[in-house]
PDB file of N, CA and C in Angstrom:
ATOM      1  N   UNK A   1      52.191  38.308   9.009  1.00  0.00           N
ATOM      2  CA  UNK A   1      50.947  37.780   9.510  1.00  0.00           C
ATOM      3  C   UNK A   1      50.799  36.342   9.035  1.00  0.00           C
ATOM      4  N   UNK A   2      50.397  35.468   9.953  1.00  0.00           N
ATOM      5  CA  UNK A   2      50.191  34.058   9.634  1.00  0.00           C
ATOM      6  C   UNK A   2      48.717  33.735   9.873  1.00  0.00           C
ATOM      7  N   UNK A   3      48.108  33.065   8.871  1.00  0.00           N
ATOM      8  CA  UNK A   3      46.706  32.656   8.997  1.00  0.00           C
ATOM      9  C   UNK A   3      46.632  31.137   9.067  1.00  0.00           C
ATOM     10  N   UNK A   4      45.732  30.632   9.879  1.00  0.00           N
ATOM     11  CA  UNK A   4      45.528  29.190   9.993  1.00  0.00           C
ATOM     12  C   UNK A   4      44.096  28.864   9.589  1.00  0.00           C
ATOM     13  N   UNK A   5      43.949  27.773   8.915  1.00  0.00           N
ATOM     14  CA  UNK A   5      42.620  27.301   8.538  1.00  0.00           C
ATOM     15  C   UNK A   5      42.292  26.053   9.327  1.00  0.00           C
ATOM     16  N   UNK A   6      41.123  26.050   9.912  1.00  0.00           N
ATOM     17  CA  UNK A   6      40.695  24.852  10.630  1.00  0.00           C
ATOM     18  C   UNK A   6      39.354  24.400  10.070  1.00  0.00           C
ATOM     19  N   UNK A   7      39.112  23.110  10.147  1.00  0.00           N
ATOM     20  CA  UNK A   7      37.865  22.529   9.662  1.00  0.00           C
ATOM     21  C   UNK A   7      37.218  21.751  10.790  1.00  0.00           C
ATOM     22  N   UNK A   8      35.928  21.738  10.767  1.00  0.00           N
ATOM     23  CA  UNK A   8      35.191  21.014  11.793  1.00  0.00           C
ATOM     24  C   UNK A   8      34.088  20.213  11.099  1.00  0.00           C
ATOM     25  N   UNK A   9      34.072  18.916  11.337  1.00  0.00           N
ATOM     26  CA  UNK A   9      33.006  18.073  10.800  1.00  0.00           C
ATOM     27  C   UNK A   9      31.774  18.195  11.678  1.00  0.00           C
ATOM     28  N   UNK A  10      30.644  18.417  11.050  1.00  0.00           N
ATOM     29  CA  UNK A  10      29.386  18.551  11.775  1.00  0.00           C
ATOM     30  C   UNK A  10      28.414  17.531  11.200  1.00  0.00           C
ATOM     31  N   UNK A  11      27.820  16.748  12.076  1.00  0.00           N
ATOM     32  CA  UNK A  11      26.807  15.790  11.621  1.00  0.00           C
ATOM     33  C   UNK A  11      25.456  16.231  12.151  1.00  0.00           C
ATOM     34  N   UNK A  12      24.457  16.017  11.323  1.00  0.00           N
ATOM     35  CA  UNK A  12      23.106  16.404  11.706  1.00  0.00           C
ATOM     36  C   UNK A  12      22.187  15.216  11.444  1.00  0.00           C
ATOM     37  N   UNK A  13      21.355  14.915  12.420  1.00  0.00           N
ATOM     38  CA  UNK A  13      20.420  13.801  12.290  1.00  0.00           C
ATOM     39  C   UNK A  13      19.098  14.322  11.748  1.00  0.00           C
ATOM     40  N   UNK A  14      18.624  13.680  10.701  1.00  0.00           N
ATOM     41  CA  UNK A  14      17.308  14.006  10.169  1.00  0.00           C
ATOM     42  C   UNK A  14      16.404  12.817  10.402  1.00  0.00           C
ATOM     43  N   UNK A  15      15.234  13.081  10.902  1.00  0.00           N
ATOM     44  CA  UNK A  15      14.286  12.009  11.181  1.00  0.00           C
ATOM     45  C   UNK A  15      13.145  12.072  10.176  1.00  0.00           C
ATOM     46  N   UNK A  16      12.716  10.903   9.748  1.00  0.00           N
ATOM     47  CA  UNK A  16      11.529  10.819   8.906  1.00  0.00           C
ATOM     48  C   UNK A  16      10.812   9.510   9.201  1.00  0.00           C
ATOM     49  N   UNK A  17       9.526   9.547   9.036  1.00  0.00           N
ATOM     50  CA  UNK A  17       8.703   8.386   9.340  1.00  0.00           C
ATOM     51  C   UNK A  17       8.549   7.525   8.099  1.00  0.00           C
ATOM     52  N   UNK A  18       8.726   6.240   8.284  1.00  0.00           N
ATOM     53  CA  UNK A  18       8.472   5.305   7.195  1.00  0.00           C
ATOM     54  C   UNK A  18       7.420   4.310   7.665  1.00  0.00           C
ATOM     55  N   UNK A  19       6.585   3.922   6.750  1.00  0.00           N
ATOM     56  CA  UNK A  19       5.520   2.976   7.091  1.00  0.00           C
ATOM     57  C   UNK A  19       5.915   1.580   6.643  1.00  0.00           C
ATOM     58  N   UNK A  20       5.712   0.640   7.502  1.00  0.00           N
ATOM     59  CA  UNK A  20       5.865  -0.758   7.134  1.00  0.00           C
ATOM     60  C   UNK A  20       4.461  -1.335   7.184  1.00  0.00           C
ATOM     61  N   UNK A  21       3.947  -1.634   6.010  1.00  0.00           N
ATOM     62  CA  UNK A  21       2.548  -2.037   5.903  1.00  0.00           C
ATOM     63  C   UNK A  21       2.310  -3.439   6.444  1.00  0.00           C
ATOM     64  N   UNK A  22       1.140  -3.607   7.012  1.00  0.00           N
ATOM     65  CA  UNK A  22       0.706  -4.930   7.452  1.00  0.00           C
ATOM     66  C   UNK A  22       0.476  -5.809   6.230  1.00  0.00           C
ATOM     67  N   UNK A  23       0.467  -7.098   6.440  1.00  0.00           N
ATOM     68  CA  UNK A  23       0.215  -8.035   5.354  1.00  0.00           C
ATOM     69  C   UNK A  23      -1.121  -7.708   4.702  1.00  0.00           C
ATOM     70  N   UNK A  24      -1.113  -7.628   3.384  1.00  0.00           N
ATOM     71  CA  UNK A  24      -2.340  -7.345   2.648  1.00  0.00           C
ATOM     72  C   UNK A  24      -2.570  -5.882   2.344  1.00  0.00           C
ATOM     73  N   UNK A  25      -1.664  -5.003   2.748  1.00  0.00           N
ATOM     74  CA  UNK A  25      -1.812  -3.570   2.512  1.00  0.00           C
ATOM     75  C   UNK A  25      -0.553  -3.019   1.870  1.00  0.00           C
ATOM     76  N   UNK A  26      -0.710  -1.988   1.037  1.00  0.00           N
ATOM     77  CA  UNK A  26       0.427  -1.362   0.366  1.00  0.00           C
ATOM     78  C   UNK A  26       0.307   0.154   0.459  1.00  0.00           C
ATOM     79  N   UNK A  27       1.435   0.828   0.235  1.00  0.00           N
ATOM     80  CA  UNK A  27       1.451   2.281   0.243  1.00  0.00           C
ATOM     81  C   UNK A  27       1.027   2.817  -1.118  1.00  0.00           C
ATOM     82  N   UNK A  28       0.335   3.940  -1.108  1.00  0.00           N
ATOM     83  CA  UNK A  28      -0.036   4.647  -2.328  1.00  0.00           C
ATOM     84  C   UNK A  28       0.974   5.775  -2.497  1.00  0.00           C
ATOM     85  N   UNK A  29       1.633   5.867  -3.669  1.00  0.00           N
ATOM     86  CA  UNK A  29       2.626   6.927  -3.857  1.00  0.00           C
ATOM     87  C   UNK A  29       2.028   8.312  -3.590  1.00  0.00           C
ATOM     88  N   UNK A  30       2.742   9.109  -2.808  1.00  0.00           N
ATOM     89  CA  UNK A  30       2.299  10.459  -2.500  1.00  0.00           C
ATOM     90  C   UNK A  30       1.361  10.569  -1.314  1.00  0.00           C
ATOM     91  N   UNK A  31       1.017   9.450  -0.688  1.00  0.00           N
ATOM     92  CA  UNK A  31       0.124   9.479   0.468  1.00  0.00           C
ATOM     93  C   UNK A  31       0.814   8.818   1.652  1.00  0.00           C
ATOM     94  N   UNK A  32       0.388   9.220   2.841  1.00  0.00           N
ATOM     95  CA  UNK A  32       0.975   8.657   4.052  1.00  0.00           C
ATOM     96  C   UNK A  32       0.282   7.361   4.438  1.00  0.00           C
ATOM     97  N   UNK A  33       1.040   6.483   5.047  1.00  0.00           N
ATOM     98  CA  UNK A  33       0.464   5.248   5.576  1.00  0.00           C
ATOM     99  C   UNK A  33       0.185   4.203   4.512  1.00  0.00           C
ATOM    100  N   UNK A  34      -0.525   3.195   4.907  1.00  0.00           N
ATOM    101  CA  UNK A  34      -0.873   2.069   4.038  1.00  0.00           C
ATOM    102  C   UNK A  34      -2.350   2.212   3.680  1.00  0.00           C
ATOM    103  N   UNK A  35      -2.607   2.798   2.537  1.00  0.00           N
ATOM    104  CA  UNK A  35      -3.950   3.220   2.171  1.00  0.00           C
ATOM    105  C   UNK A  35      -4.745   2.197   1.369  1.00  0.00           C
ATOM    106  N   UNK A  36      -4.076   1.215   0.780  1.00  0.00           N
ATOM    107  CA  UNK A  36      -4.782   0.361  -0.165  1.00  0.00           C
ATOM    108  C   UNK A  36      -4.490  -1.106   0.099  1.00  0.00           C
ATOM    109  N   UNK A  37      -5.515  -1.908  -0.036  1.00  0.00           N
ATOM    110  CA  UNK A  37      -5.349  -3.357   0.113  1.00  0.00           C
ATOM    111  C   UNK A  37      -4.653  -3.905  -1.131  1.00  0.00           C
ATOM    112  N   UNK A  38      -3.720  -4.799  -0.928  1.00  0.00           N
ATOM    113  CA  UNK A  38      -3.035  -5.408  -2.062  1.00  0.00           C
ATOM    114  C   UNK A  38      -3.776  -6.666  -2.490  1.00  0.00           C
ATOM    115  N   UNK A  39      -3.493  -7.085  -3.686  1.00  0.00           N
ATOM    116  CA  UNK A  39      -4.154  -8.274  -4.230  1.00  0.00           C
ATOM    117  C   UNK A  39      -3.549  -9.520  -3.576  1.00  0.00           C
ATOM    118  N   UNK A  40      -4.164  -9.977  -2.527  1.00  0.00           N
ATOM    119  CA  UNK A  40      -3.731 -11.189  -1.850  1.00  0.00           C
ATOM    120  C   UNK A  40      -4.907 -12.152  -1.822  1.00  0.00           C
ATOM    121  N   UNK A  41      -4.659 -13.420  -1.614  1.00  0.00           N
ATOM    122  CA  UNK A  41      -5.769 -14.376  -1.561  1.00  0.00           C
ATOM    123  C   UNK A  41      -6.802 -14.034  -0.494  1.00  0.00           C
ATOM    124  N   UNK A  42      -6.390 -13.347   0.572  1.00  0.00           N
ATOM    125  CA  UNK A  42      -7.318 -13.012   1.650  1.00  0.00           C
ATOM    126  C   UNK A  42      -8.213 -11.821   1.328  1.00  0.00           C
ATOM    127  N   UNK A  43      -7.895 -11.060   0.285  1.00  0.00           N
ATOM    128  CA  UNK A  43      -8.653  -9.844  -0.015  1.00  0.00           C
ATOM    129  C   UNK A  43     -10.090 -10.149  -0.419  1.00  0.00           C
ATOM    130  N   UNK A  44     -10.291 -11.133  -1.273  1.00  0.00           N
ATOM    131  CA  UNK A  44     -11.630 -11.480  -1.756  1.00  0.00           C
ATOM    132  C   UNK A  44     -12.169 -12.667  -0.960  1.00  0.00           C
ATOM    133  N   UNK A  45     -13.434 -12.584  -0.586  1.00  0.00           N
ATOM    134  CA  UNK A  45     -14.066 -13.629   0.218  1.00  0.00           C
ATOM    135  C   UNK A  45     -14.832 -14.607  -0.668  1.00  0.00           C
ATOM    136  N   UNK A  46     -15.218 -15.728  -0.079  1.00  0.00           N
ATOM    137  CA  UNK A  46     -16.090 -16.718  -0.715  1.00  0.00           C
ATOM    138  C   UNK A  46     -15.590 -17.203  -2.073  1.00  0.00           C
ATOM    139  N   UNK A  47     -14.284 -17.383  -2.181  1.00  0.00           N
ATOM    140  CA  UNK A  47     -13.711 -17.947  -3.405  1.00  0.00           C
ATOM    141  C   UNK A  47     -13.493 -16.955  -4.526  1.00  0.00           C
ATOM    142  N   UNK A  48     -13.713 -15.660  -4.267  1.00  0.00           N
ATOM    143  CA  UNK A  48     -13.474 -14.645  -5.294  1.00  0.00           C
ATOM    144  C   UNK A  48     -11.988 -14.499  -5.574  1.00  0.00           C
ATOM    145  N   UNK A  49     -11.661 -14.015  -6.759  1.00  0.00           N
ATOM    146  CA  UNK A  49     -10.263 -13.823  -7.140  1.00  0.00           C
ATOM    147  C   UNK A  49      -9.993 -12.342  -7.371  1.00  0.00           C
ATOM    148  N   UNK A  50      -8.833 -11.904  -6.956  1.00  0.00           N
ATOM    149  CA  UNK A  50      -8.436 -10.506  -7.072  1.00  0.00           C
ATOM    150  C   UNK A  50      -7.717 -10.290  -8.399  1.00  0.00           C
ATOM    151  N   UNK A  51      -8.119  -9.228  -9.104  1.00  0.00           N
ATOM    152  CA  UNK A  51      -7.494  -8.880 -10.375  1.00  0.00           C
ATOM    153  C   UNK A  51      -7.338  -7.371 -10.457  1.00  0.00           C
ATOM    154  N   UNK A  52      -6.282  -6.899 -11.143  1.00  0.00           N
ATOM    155  CA  UNK A  52      -6.146  -5.446 -11.326  1.00  0.00           C
ATOM    156  C   UNK A  52      -7.322  -4.903 -12.129  1.00  0.00           C
ATOM    157  N   UNK A  53      -7.762  -3.712 -11.784  1.00  0.00           N
ATOM    158  CA  UNK A  53      -8.862  -3.068 -12.498  1.00  0.00           C
ATOM    159  C   UNK A  53      -8.404  -2.678 -13.897  1.00  0.00           C
ATOM    160  N   UNK A  54      -9.272  -2.821 -14.879  1.00  0.00           N
ATOM    161  CA  UNK A  54      -8.914  -2.429 -16.246  1.00  0.00           C
ATOM    162  C   UNK A  54      -9.017  -0.921 -16.433  1.00  0.00           C
ATOM    163  N   UNK A  55      -9.841  -0.246 -15.630  1.00  0.00           N
ATOM    164  CA  UNK A  55     -10.007   1.200 -15.780  1.00  0.00           C
ATOM    165  C   UNK A  55      -8.995   1.998 -14.963  1.00  0.00           C
ATOM    166  N   UNK A  56      -8.573   1.474 -13.831  1.00  0.00           N
ATOM    167  CA  UNK A  56      -7.631   2.178 -12.958  1.00  0.00           C
ATOM    168  C   UNK A  56      -6.587   1.180 -12.485  1.00  0.00           C
ATOM    169  N   UNK A  57      -5.377   1.306 -13.014  1.00  0.00           N
ATOM    170  CA  UNK A  57      -4.318   0.333 -12.718  1.00  0.00           C
ATOM    171  C   UNK A  57      -3.883   0.351 -11.254  1.00  0.00           C
ATOM    172  N   UNK A  58      -4.281   1.377 -10.496  1.00  0.00           N
ATOM    173  CA  UNK A  58      -3.885   1.434  -9.091  1.00  0.00           C
ATOM    174  C   UNK A  58      -4.893   0.735  -8.187  1.00  0.00           C
ATOM    175  N   UNK A  59      -5.935   0.153  -8.750  1.00  0.00           N
ATOM    176  CA  UNK A  59      -6.951  -0.524  -7.946  1.00  0.00           C
ATOM    177  C   UNK A  59      -7.033  -1.995  -8.311  1.00  0.00           C
ATOM    178  N   UNK A  60      -7.520  -2.770  -7.364  1.00  0.00           N
ATOM    179  CA  UNK A  60      -7.799  -4.177  -7.604  1.00  0.00           C
ATOM    180  C   UNK A  60      -9.291  -4.399  -7.414  1.00  0.00           C
ATOM    181  N   UNK A  61      -9.819  -5.349  -8.144  1.00  0.00           N
ATOM    182  CA  UNK A  61     -11.223  -5.695  -7.974  1.00  0.00           C
ATOM    183  C   UNK A  61     -11.335  -7.197  -7.771  1.00  0.00           C
ATOM    184  N   UNK A  62     -12.404  -7.593  -7.117  1.00  0.00           N
ATOM    185  CA  UNK A  62     -12.647  -9.012  -6.884  1.00  0.00           C
ATOM    186  C   UNK A  62     -13.632  -9.530  -7.924  1.00  0.00           C
ATOM    187  N   UNK A  63     -13.291 -10.629  -8.530  1.00  0.00           N
ATOM    188  CA  UNK A  63     -14.203 -11.337  -9.431  1.00  0.00           C
ATOM    189  C   UNK A  63     -14.874 -12.407  -8.585  1.00  0.00           C
ATOM    190  N   UNK A  64     -16.180 -12.258  -8.424  1.00  0.00           N
ATOM    191  CA  UNK A  64     -16.922 -13.138  -7.520  1.00  0.00           C
ATOM    192  C   UNK A  64     -17.408 -14.395  -8.225  1.00  0.00           C
ATOM    193  N   UNK A  65     -17.481 -15.467  -7.457  1.00  0.00           N
ATOM    194  CA  UNK A  65     -18.093 -16.696  -7.949  1.00  0.00           C
ATOM    195  C   UNK A  65     -19.604 -16.489  -8.032  1.00  0.00           C
ATOM    196  N   UNK A  66     -20.282 -17.272  -8.869  1.00  0.00           N
ATOM    197  CA  UNK A  66     -21.740 -17.157  -8.940  1.00  0.00           C
ATOM    198  C   UNK A  66     -22.357 -17.319  -7.548  1.00  0.00           C
ATOM    199  N   UNK A  67     -23.320 -16.457  -7.248  1.00  0.00           N
ATOM    200  CA  UNK A  67     -23.992 -16.508  -5.961  1.00  0.00           C
ATOM    201  C   UNK A  67     -23.463 -15.515  -4.943  1.00  0.00           C
ATOM    202  N   UNK A  68     -22.393 -14.774  -5.286  1.00  0.00           N
ATOM    203  CA  UNK A  68     -21.815 -13.803  -4.363  1.00  0.00           C
ATOM    204  C   UNK A  68     -21.660 -12.457  -5.047  1.00  0.00           C
ATOM    205  N   UNK A  69     -21.678 -11.397  -4.247  1.00  0.00           N
ATOM    206  CA  UNK A  69     -21.534 -10.044  -4.772  1.00  0.00           C
ATOM    207  C   UNK A  69     -20.888  -9.149  -3.726  1.00  0.00           C
ATOM    208  N   UNK A  70     -20.616  -7.905  -4.094  1.00  0.00           N
ATOM    209  CA  UNK A  70     -19.982  -6.945  -3.193  1.00  0.00           C
ATOM    210  C   UNK A  70     -18.558  -6.677  -3.634  1.00  0.00           C
ATOM    211  N   UNK A  71     -17.994  -5.591  -3.124  1.00  0.00           N
ATOM    212  CA  UNK A  71     -16.640  -5.195  -3.506  1.00  0.00           C
ATOM    213  C   UNK A  71     -15.617  -6.288  -3.217  1.00  0.00           C
ATOM    214  N   UNK A  72     -15.857  -7.074  -2.184  1.00  0.00           N
ATOM    215  CA  UNK A  72     -14.938  -8.152  -1.797  1.00  0.00           C
ATOM    216  C   UNK A  72     -15.627  -9.514  -1.814  1.00  0.00           C
ATOM    217  N   UNK A  73     -16.737  -9.609  -2.558  1.00  0.00           N
ATOM    218  CA  UNK A  73     -17.521 -10.859  -2.660  1.00  0.00           C
ATOM    219  C   UNK A  73     -18.022 -11.303  -1.284  1.00  0.00           C
ATOM    220  N   UNK A  74     -18.297 -10.337  -0.427  1.00  0.00           N
ATOM    221  CA  UNK A  74     -18.663 -10.648   0.949  1.00  0.00           C
ATOM    222  C   UNK A  74     -20.150 -10.904   1.139  1.00  0.00           C
ATOM    223  N   UNK A  75     -20.975 -10.630   0.136  1.00  0.00           N
ATOM    224  CA  UNK A  75     -22.421 -10.805   0.287  1.00  0.00           C
ATOM    225  C   UNK A  75     -22.931 -11.940  -0.591  1.00  0.00           C
ATOM    226  N   UNK A  76     -23.774 -12.761  -0.017  1.00  0.00           N
ATOM    227  CA  UNK A  76     -24.432 -13.809  -0.793  1.00  0.00           C
ATOM    228  C   UNK A  76     -25.674 -13.244  -1.475  1.00  0.00           C
ATOM    229  N   UNK A  77     -25.918 -13.682  -2.691  1.00  0.00           N
ATOM    230  CA  UNK A  77     -27.125 -13.239  -3.403  1.00  0.00           C
ATOM    231  C   UNK A  77     -28.297 -14.093  -2.967  1.00  0.00           C
ATOM    232  N   UNK A  78     -29.418 -13.451  -2.760  1.00  0.00           N
ATOM    233  CA  UNK A  78     -30.617 -14.185  -2.326  1.00  0.00           C
ATOM    234  C   UNK A  78     -31.438 -14.596  -3.528  1.00  0.00           C
TER     235      UNK A  78
END
């Protein structure tokens, strides 16, 4: 009795979605899409500056110039 061994290469395509974030946005590890604004000059309005939060390293906060307030320094103080 004679036995023959044959091999066959099989390729399989796996698809997965990757996000390419728009300018000013970044991905949050473990979440889909671009969930968080990155610290860019455009993030804070009216001359505010973006800085990492001291309490949560995954967040940024805007330091507003005098006369402005809001999460992104978007409101003028009356």
